[in-house]
Protein backbone atom coordinates (compact mmCIF):
# COMPACT_ATOMS: atom_id res chain seq x y z
CA MET A 1 2.42 11.82 15.98
CA ILE A 2 3.46 14.87 13.70
CA VAL A 3 1.14 16.38 11.35
CA VAL A 4 2.52 18.06 8.27
CA THR A 5 0.28 20.35 6.12
CA GLY A 6 1.28 21.16 2.56
CA ALA A 7 2.91 17.76 2.57
CA THR A 8 3.20 17.26 -1.14
CA GLY A 9 4.97 20.54 -1.91
CA ASN A 10 8.47 21.69 -2.03
CA ILE A 11 8.82 22.06 1.73
CA GLY A 12 6.37 19.42 2.92
CA ARG A 13 7.68 16.60 1.01
CA PRO A 14 11.30 16.58 2.15
CA LEU A 15 9.98 17.44 5.60
CA THR A 16 7.69 14.43 5.79
CA ARG A 17 10.46 12.22 4.46
CA GLU A 18 13.03 13.51 6.91
CA LEU A 19 10.66 13.06 9.94
CA ALA A 20 9.73 9.43 8.68
CA GLN A 21 13.44 8.72 8.46
CA ALA A 22 13.82 9.99 12.06
CA GLY A 23 11.50 7.19 13.07
CA ARG A 24 8.68 9.47 13.94
CA GLN A 25 4.92 8.77 13.15
CA VAL A 26 3.85 11.22 10.55
CA THR A 27 0.44 12.27 9.15
CA ALA A 28 0.81 13.99 5.81
CA VAL A 29 -2.05 16.35 4.89
CA SER A 30 -2.80 17.64 1.31
CA ARG A 31 -5.76 18.92 -0.56
CA HIS A 32 -5.59 15.97 -2.98
CA ALA A 33 -4.59 12.30 -2.91
CA ALA A 34 -0.83 11.82 -3.35
CA ALA A 35 1.96 9.36 -2.93
CA VAL A 36 3.76 9.59 0.53
CA PRO A 37 6.73 7.69 2.04
CA ASP A 38 6.23 4.26 3.36
CA GLY A 39 4.73 4.37 6.97
CA VAL A 40 3.42 7.74 6.65
CA ARG A 41 -0.45 8.17 7.06
CA HIS A 42 -2.01 10.37 4.38
CA VAL A 43 -5.11 12.35 4.98
CA VAL A 44 -6.93 14.59 2.36
CA ALA A 45 -8.15 17.75 3.84
CA ASP A 46 -8.71 21.38 3.00
CA LEU A 47 -7.21 23.80 5.41
CA ALA A 48 -9.81 26.44 4.33
CA GLU A 49 -12.20 24.25 6.39
CA PRO A 50 -10.30 23.78 9.74
CA ALA A 51 -13.01 21.43 11.35
CA GLY A 52 -12.11 19.09 8.50
CA LEU A 53 -8.67 18.64 9.98
CA LYS A 54 -9.94 16.78 12.97
CA PRO A 55 -9.11 13.36 11.63
CA ALA A 56 -5.58 14.29 10.79
CA LEU A 57 -4.99 15.99 14.38
CA ASP A 58 -6.17 12.94 16.22
CA GLY A 59 -3.42 11.87 18.47
CA ALA A 60 -0.91 14.58 17.17
CA LYS A 61 1.43 16.28 19.32
CA ALA A 62 3.14 18.54 16.80
CA LEU A 63 1.88 20.42 13.76
CA PHE A 64 3.78 22.00 10.81
CA LEU A 65 1.48 24.76 9.47
CA LEU A 66 2.03 25.84 5.83
CA LEU A 67 -0.80 27.90 4.29
CA SER A 68 -2.01 27.45 0.86
CA GLY A 69 -2.46 30.51 -1.32
CA ASP A 70 -6.28 30.81 -0.68
CA LEU A 71 -5.64 31.02 3.13
CA HIS A 72 -3.78 34.17 2.51
CA ALA A 73 -7.03 35.79 0.73
CA GLY A 74 -9.45 38.13 2.60
CA GLY A 75 -12.03 36.32 4.57
CA ALA A 76 -9.85 33.38 5.28
CA GLN A 77 -9.65 32.33 8.99
CA PRO A 78 -6.24 30.44 9.41
CA ALA A 79 -6.36 31.18 13.13
CA ASP A 80 -9.01 28.51 13.47
CA ILE A 81 -6.38 25.97 12.44
CA ILE A 82 -4.51 26.74 15.60
CA GLY A 83 -7.62 26.61 17.66
CA GLU A 84 -8.40 23.09 16.29
CA ALA A 85 -4.87 21.92 16.95
CA ALA A 86 -5.08 23.12 20.51
CA ALA A 87 -8.34 21.51 20.98
CA ALA A 88 -7.00 18.21 19.70
CA GLY A 89 -4.11 18.21 22.13
CA VAL A 90 -1.25 19.33 19.94
CA ARG A 91 1.45 20.74 22.01
CA ARG A 92 3.89 22.27 19.46
CA VAL A 93 3.19 24.30 16.30
CA VAL A 94 5.86 25.27 13.69
CA LEU A 95 4.47 27.99 11.47
CA LEU A 96 5.90 28.75 7.97
CA SER A 97 5.68 32.57 7.81
CA THR A 98 7.71 34.86 5.51
CA GLN A 99 10.43 37.54 5.96
CA GLY A 100 8.11 40.09 4.52
CA VAL A 101 6.40 40.42 7.89
CA VAL A 102 9.41 42.34 8.96
CA THR A 103 10.85 43.66 5.70
CA ARG A 104 7.49 44.83 4.00
CA PRO A 105 4.96 44.66 6.94
CA SER A 106 2.30 46.81 5.34
CA GLY A 107 1.27 44.34 2.63
CA PRO A 108 -2.18 42.84 3.21
CA THR A 109 -0.84 39.19 3.13
CA ARG A 110 2.01 40.22 5.60
CA VAL A 111 -0.48 41.99 7.96
CA ALA A 112 -2.54 38.78 8.00
CA MET A 113 0.54 36.56 8.61
CA ARG A 114 1.76 38.74 11.31
CA ALA A 115 -1.65 38.42 12.95
CA LEU A 116 -1.37 34.70 12.72
CA GLU A 117 2.06 34.68 14.16
CA ASP A 118 0.57 36.70 17.21
CA THR A 119 -2.31 34.21 17.52
CA LEU A 120 0.19 31.42 17.73
CA ARG A 121 2.23 33.26 20.41
CA GLU A 122 -0.87 33.73 22.35
CA SER A 123 -2.14 30.23 22.09
CA GLY A 124 -0.45 28.73 25.02
CA LEU A 125 1.16 26.10 22.76
CA GLU A 126 4.86 25.73 22.13
CA TRP A 127 5.72 27.37 18.91
CA ALA A 128 8.44 28.21 16.48
CA ILE A 129 8.24 30.58 13.62
CA LEU A 130 10.25 30.36 10.25
CA ARG A 131 10.49 33.29 8.05
CA PRO A 132 12.24 32.53 4.77
CA GLY A 133 12.92 34.78 1.83
CA GLY A 134 12.75 33.83 -1.71
CA PHE A 135 12.88 30.18 -2.69
CA ALA A 136 15.31 28.43 -5.10
CA SER A 137 12.36 26.36 -6.40
CA ASN A 138 10.88 29.51 -7.95
CA ALA A 139 13.32 28.85 -10.82
CA LEU A 140 10.88 26.05 -11.87
CA TRP A 141 8.92 29.00 -13.49
CA TRP A 142 11.77 28.81 -16.16
CA ALA A 143 11.70 25.00 -16.76
CA ASP A 144 9.48 24.94 -19.82
CA SER A 145 11.37 27.79 -21.55
CA VAL A 146 14.65 25.96 -20.77
CA ARG A 147 13.39 22.66 -22.00
CA THR A 148 11.88 24.13 -25.28
CA GLY A 149 14.19 27.06 -25.97
CA GLN A 150 17.37 26.89 -23.82
CA VAL A 151 16.37 30.19 -22.46
CA VAL A 152 15.62 31.87 -19.07
CA ALA A 153 13.40 34.80 -19.51
CA ALA A 154 13.25 36.95 -16.24
CA PRO A 155 13.24 40.58 -15.19
CA PHE A 156 16.08 42.37 -13.27
CA GLY A 157 18.81 40.14 -14.41
CA ASP A 158 21.59 41.60 -12.37
CA ILE A 159 19.66 42.22 -9.13
CA GLY A 160 19.81 39.34 -6.57
CA VAL A 161 18.52 38.19 -3.30
CA PRO A 162 19.87 35.33 -1.04
CA ILE A 163 17.17 32.64 -2.13
CA ILE A 164 17.03 29.59 -0.04
CA ASP A 165 16.67 25.88 -0.92
CA PRO A 166 13.30 24.57 0.32
CA ALA A 167 15.02 21.43 1.49
CA ASP A 168 16.91 23.62 4.01
CA ILE A 169 13.63 25.08 5.19
CA ALA A 170 12.44 21.60 5.69
CA ALA A 171 15.47 20.65 7.64
CA VAL A 172 14.98 23.58 9.95
CA ALA A 173 11.35 22.84 10.32
CA ALA A 174 12.29 19.21 11.30
CA ALA A 175 14.53 20.53 13.96
CA CYS A 176 11.96 22.88 15.44
CA LEU A 177 9.41 20.04 15.57
CA LEU A 178 11.80 17.57 17.08
CA GLU A 179 14.02 19.48 19.38
CA ASP A 180 12.75 21.40 22.59
CA ARG A 181 15.59 24.02 22.34
CA HIS A 182 13.77 25.72 19.52
CA ALA A 183 10.60 26.55 21.44
CA GLY A 184 9.85 30.26 21.04
CA GLY A 185 12.49 30.62 18.21
CA VAL A 186 11.89 32.97 15.20
CA TYR A 187 14.30 32.16 12.43
CA GLU A 188 14.98 34.16 9.28
CA LEU A 189 15.97 31.76 6.69
CA THR A 190 18.14 32.64 3.54
CA GLY A 191 20.51 30.93 1.25
CA PRO A 192 24.29 31.49 1.60
CA GLU A 193 24.77 34.28 -0.83
CA VAL A 194 22.94 37.00 -2.99
CA ILE A 195 22.43 35.45 -6.38
CA THR A 196 20.91 37.02 -9.53
CA PRO A 197 18.76 35.56 -12.27
CA ARG A 198 21.60 35.72 -14.68
CA ARG A 199 23.89 33.61 -12.25
CA GLN A 200 21.04 31.27 -11.64
CA THR A 201 20.87 30.83 -15.33
CA GLU A 202 24.55 29.96 -15.41
CA ALA A 203 24.08 27.37 -12.58
CA ILE A 204 21.20 25.76 -14.51
CA ALA A 205 23.41 25.61 -17.65
CA ALA A 206 26.23 24.00 -15.59
CA ALA A 207 23.87 21.40 -14.25
CA LEU A 208 22.59 20.62 -17.62
CA GLY A 209 26.01 20.65 -19.31
CA SER A 210 24.63 22.70 -22.05
CA PRO A 211 24.19 26.46 -22.87
CA VAL A 212 21.24 28.35 -21.57
CA ARG A 213 20.74 31.93 -22.69
CA PHE A 214 19.46 34.72 -20.38
CA HIS A 215 16.86 36.98 -21.76
CA GLU A 216 15.86 40.05 -19.63
CA LEU A 217 12.16 40.93 -19.43
CA THR A 218 10.84 44.39 -18.76
CA ARG A 219 8.84 44.79 -15.59
CA ASP A 220 5.58 45.05 -17.57
CA GLU A 221 6.41 41.85 -19.53
CA ALA A 222 7.12 39.89 -16.32
CA LYS A 223 3.95 41.22 -14.62
CA ALA A 224 1.79 39.96 -17.59
CA ALA A 225 3.38 36.45 -17.41
CA MET A 226 3.10 36.30 -13.56
CA ALA A 227 -0.46 37.64 -13.58
CA ARG A 228 -1.46 34.36 -15.53
CA SER A 229 -0.80 32.47 -12.14
CA MET A 230 -1.26 34.94 -9.45
CA PRO A 231 -3.22 37.97 -8.58
CA ALA A 232 -1.94 41.24 -10.17
CA GLU A 233 -1.33 42.79 -6.73
CA LEU A 234 0.83 39.93 -5.74
CA ALA A 235 2.74 40.07 -8.95
CA ASP A 236 3.47 43.74 -8.37
CA ASP A 237 4.46 42.97 -4.85
CA THR A 238 6.86 40.34 -5.82
CA LEU A 239 8.37 42.43 -8.57
CA ASP A 240 8.90 45.33 -5.98
CA ILE A 241 11.05 42.91 -3.94
CA LEU A 242 12.96 41.48 -6.89
CA GLY A 243 13.59 44.79 -8.59
CA SER A 244 14.36 46.95 -5.41
CA PRO A 245 15.36 44.58 -2.54
CA SER A 246 15.83 46.21 0.79
CA PRO A 247 18.98 46.04 2.82
CA ALA A 248 17.18 43.63 5.08
CA GLU A 249 16.08 41.55 2.12
CA LEU A 250 19.85 41.42 0.99
CA ARG A 251 21.11 40.34 4.20
CA VAL A 252 22.46 36.72 4.46
CA SER A 253 20.93 35.28 7.74
CA PRO A 254 23.04 33.11 10.02
CA ASP A 255 19.81 31.13 11.27
CA VAL A 256 20.13 28.15 8.96
CA GLU A 257 23.55 27.40 10.28
CA ARG A 258 22.52 28.24 13.86
CA VAL A 259 19.90 25.53 13.71
CA LEU A 260 21.50 22.99 11.56
CA GLY A 261 25.15 23.35 12.38
CA ARG A 262 26.06 23.80 8.66
CA ALA A 263 25.75 26.46 6.08
CA PRO A 264 22.65 26.59 3.75
CA ARG A 265 23.05 25.02 0.25
CA PRO A 266 23.81 27.24 -2.62
CA PHE A 267 21.56 27.55 -5.67
CA ALA A 268 23.94 25.39 -7.78
CA ASP A 269 23.18 22.49 -5.45
CA TRP A 270 19.44 22.96 -5.91
CA ALA A 271 19.96 23.20 -9.64
CA ALA A 272 21.99 19.93 -9.73
CA ARG A 273 19.33 18.05 -7.79
CA HIS A 274 16.55 19.23 -9.85
CA VAL A 275 18.14 19.27 -13.31
CA ASP A 276 15.77 16.74 -14.72
CA ALA A 277 12.99 19.47 -14.61
CA PHE A 278 14.96 21.45 -17.08
CA ARG A 279 15.79 18.64 -19.52
């Protein structure tokens, strides 16, 4: 049995489907009731209360651990989840971390994530750690404005990073859960090229087959919009990366291809698969 947390999100959903298609027994964990693939067991649980995971972990041998936003907040105890997993007999944990633990290690959320990585390393369990950069699915922030006004509004139009398709993260996670050779692996996950918001807009327009205009926001305008859905500190942190990516954040990693034997998918591929969100 493999347990997938965050099973209804951009990574957990394709991961759950891939594991089920591989013939594995899967338990999908999410905070709310949701549809899951046929044959997949679904358990509603809140990772902020690790003891509540016991029904999901019963009989499990592997765990994909993806932390929800509140588990990055001060006072959260995500390390307890690893303890619950070990106590339940789980042998392997694949942790979704972040590239920022290396590229921007001093931020509070990255300090906490690095501490969780260390807890996992010292747990006595088999483990693998995934450190993705920015997600292609963040472009869904623009879906409403594209649908209603054929416009993408974003800051730093000509500054890019090598964003990754969440389906590629899911594919790497599946390999790490299923294949012994990835035990002890730490994988930095990026897309195949640096791509700017302006070029992402062009890819969305091509997928739609209709024009989409790019409108460049100031940093203050972008922060005000982002602060409606995230803490202001996190908005500033995100804008720092988008506006001034470090050389390490601009690097295209070979790790997706090392694990999967193929190059990561370009943003245009993600846009084509998710074009209905922008119609």
